[in-house]
Amino acid sequence: MFRPNVGNAWIVGVVGQLQLDVLANRIAAEYGLDVGFEDSPYDTARWVHADRPEDLDAFINGNKGQMALDGDGALVFLAKGAWELRYAAERHPKIVFTATRERRAHKD
């Protein structure tokens, strides 16, 4: 799940349509709710960080509409495709874009 910095619609991140179908079926079976999903304009998510906070702040400020937080509060850049991701990486060489991230263990 990604919570965009702009707007209030959460984004469910999946690898394919089957994951959305499974999620919808589980919600229906476990909670009795029918859900539907709308397409997002984004097809790629990358966790971002930088050695210097000011570099990361500059990147965030220049891409506010494409920034989100994951379920653990980690910063994510949402791209509409591979070209846009490459373009952002080329323009911001001090930003590290990571395809995966270890999930923080939650204490229950």
Protein backbone atom coordinates (compact mmCIF):
# COMPACT_ATOMS: atom_id res chain seq x y z
CA MET A 1 0.00 0.00 0.00
CA PHE A 2 1.24 3.45 -0.89
CA ARG A 3 -0.14 6.71 0.50
CA PRO A 4 0.59 9.50 -1.99
CA ASN A 5 1.87 12.81 -0.61
CA VAL A 6 -0.67 14.60 -2.83
CA GLY A 7 -4.31 13.53 -2.73
CA ASN A 8 -6.03 11.03 -0.49
CA ALA A 9 -6.46 7.90 -2.62
CA TRP A 10 -4.24 5.04 -1.45
CA ILE A 11 -2.54 2.92 -4.11
CA VAL A 12 -2.37 -0.86 -3.88
CA GLY A 13 0.92 -2.05 -5.35
CA VAL A 14 0.84 -5.45 -7.04
CA VAL A 15 2.89 -7.37 -9.58
CA GLY A 16 -0.11 -8.36 -11.69
CA GLN A 17 -3.89 -8.51 -12.04
CA LEU A 18 -4.05 -11.88 -10.29
CA GLN A 19 -2.89 -10.30 -7.02
CA LEU A 20 -5.72 -7.75 -7.22
CA ASP A 21 -8.23 -10.51 -7.91
CA VAL A 22 -7.00 -12.52 -4.92
CA LEU A 23 -7.14 -9.42 -2.69
CA ALA A 24 -10.70 -8.59 -3.78
CA ASN A 25 -11.82 -12.20 -3.22
CA ARG A 26 -10.25 -12.34 0.25
CA ILE A 27 -11.89 -9.05 1.27
CA ALA A 28 -15.23 -10.37 0.02
CA ALA A 29 -14.83 -13.72 1.81
CA GLU A 30 -13.45 -12.39 5.10
CA TYR A 31 -15.41 -9.14 5.46
CA GLY A 32 -18.41 -9.54 3.14
CA LEU A 33 -17.43 -6.46 1.13
CA ASP A 34 -17.37 -6.16 -2.62
CA VAL A 35 -14.45 -3.99 -3.72
CA GLY A 36 -13.28 -2.65 -7.03
CA PHE A 37 -9.99 -1.16 -8.04
CA GLU A 38 -9.24 1.69 -10.44
CA ASP A 39 -6.11 1.80 -12.54
CA SER A 40 -3.31 4.00 -11.30
CA PRO A 41 -1.26 6.08 -13.72
CA TYR A 42 1.89 4.54 -12.21
CA ASP A 43 3.43 1.22 -13.10
CA THR A 44 6.69 1.42 -11.16
CA ALA A 45 7.53 2.17 -7.53
CA ARG A 46 11.04 2.73 -6.21
CA TRP A 47 12.12 3.40 -2.66
CA VAL A 48 14.43 6.41 -2.57
CA HIS A 49 17.14 7.68 -0.29
CA ALA A 50 20.27 9.82 -0.45
CA ASP A 51 23.40 10.28 1.62
CA ARG A 52 22.65 13.97 2.10
CA PRO A 53 19.22 15.07 3.36
CA GLU A 54 19.33 18.22 1.22
CA ASP A 55 19.67 16.10 -1.96
CA LEU A 56 16.64 14.06 -0.98
CA ASP A 57 14.66 17.19 -0.06
CA ALA A 58 15.42 18.72 -3.48
CA PHE A 59 14.25 15.54 -5.20
CA ILE A 60 11.05 15.40 -3.14
CA ASN A 61 10.27 19.06 -3.79
CA GLY A 62 10.73 18.58 -7.53
CA ASN A 63 8.52 15.48 -7.63
CA LYS A 64 5.80 16.10 -5.03
CA GLY A 65 3.03 14.62 -7.15
CA GLN A 66 4.89 11.34 -7.52
CA MET A 67 6.02 10.81 -3.94
CA ALA A 68 4.32 8.43 -1.54
CA LEU A 69 4.91 6.59 1.72
CA ASP A 70 4.69 2.82 2.05
CA GLY A 71 3.02 1.03 4.95
CA ASP A 72 6.14 1.48 7.09
CA GLY A 73 6.45 5.19 6.29
CA ALA A 74 9.36 4.75 3.88
CA LEU A 75 9.61 7.20 0.98
CA VAL A 76 8.64 5.92 -2.48
CA PHE A 77 8.89 7.49 -5.96
CA LEU A 78 6.04 6.49 -8.30
CA ALA A 79 6.86 6.48 -12.01
CA LYS A 80 4.53 6.07 -14.97
CA GLY A 81 7.02 3.81 -16.71
CA ALA A 82 10.62 2.74 -17.19
CA TRP A 83 11.48 5.81 -19.28
CA GLU A 84 10.31 8.20 -16.55
CA LEU A 85 12.25 6.27 -13.92
CA ARG A 86 15.46 6.41 -16.01
CA TYR A 87 14.92 10.12 -16.63
CA ALA A 88 14.52 10.84 -12.90
CA ALA A 89 17.61 8.78 -12.08
CA GLU A 90 19.68 10.58 -14.72
CA ARG A 91 18.56 14.01 -13.51
CA HIS A 92 19.18 13.13 -9.86
CA PRO A 93 22.36 11.03 -9.68
CA LYS A 94 22.66 11.51 -5.90
CA ILE A 95 19.35 9.72 -5.31
CA VAL A 96 19.41 5.95 -4.84
CA PHE A 97 16.38 4.17 -6.36
CA THR A 98 15.75 0.71 -4.90
CA ALA A 99 13.35 -1.85 -6.40
CA THR A 100 12.89 -3.79 -3.15
CA ARG A 101 13.00 -3.02 0.53
CA GLU A 102 13.13 -5.13 3.63
CA ARG A 103 9.89 -4.78 5.49
CA ARG A 104 10.06 -3.54 9.04
CA ALA A 105 8.83 -6.08 11.58
CA HIS A 106 5.65 -4.91 13.28
CA LYS A 107 5.16 -5.50 16.96
CA ASP A 108 1.67 -6.74 17.80
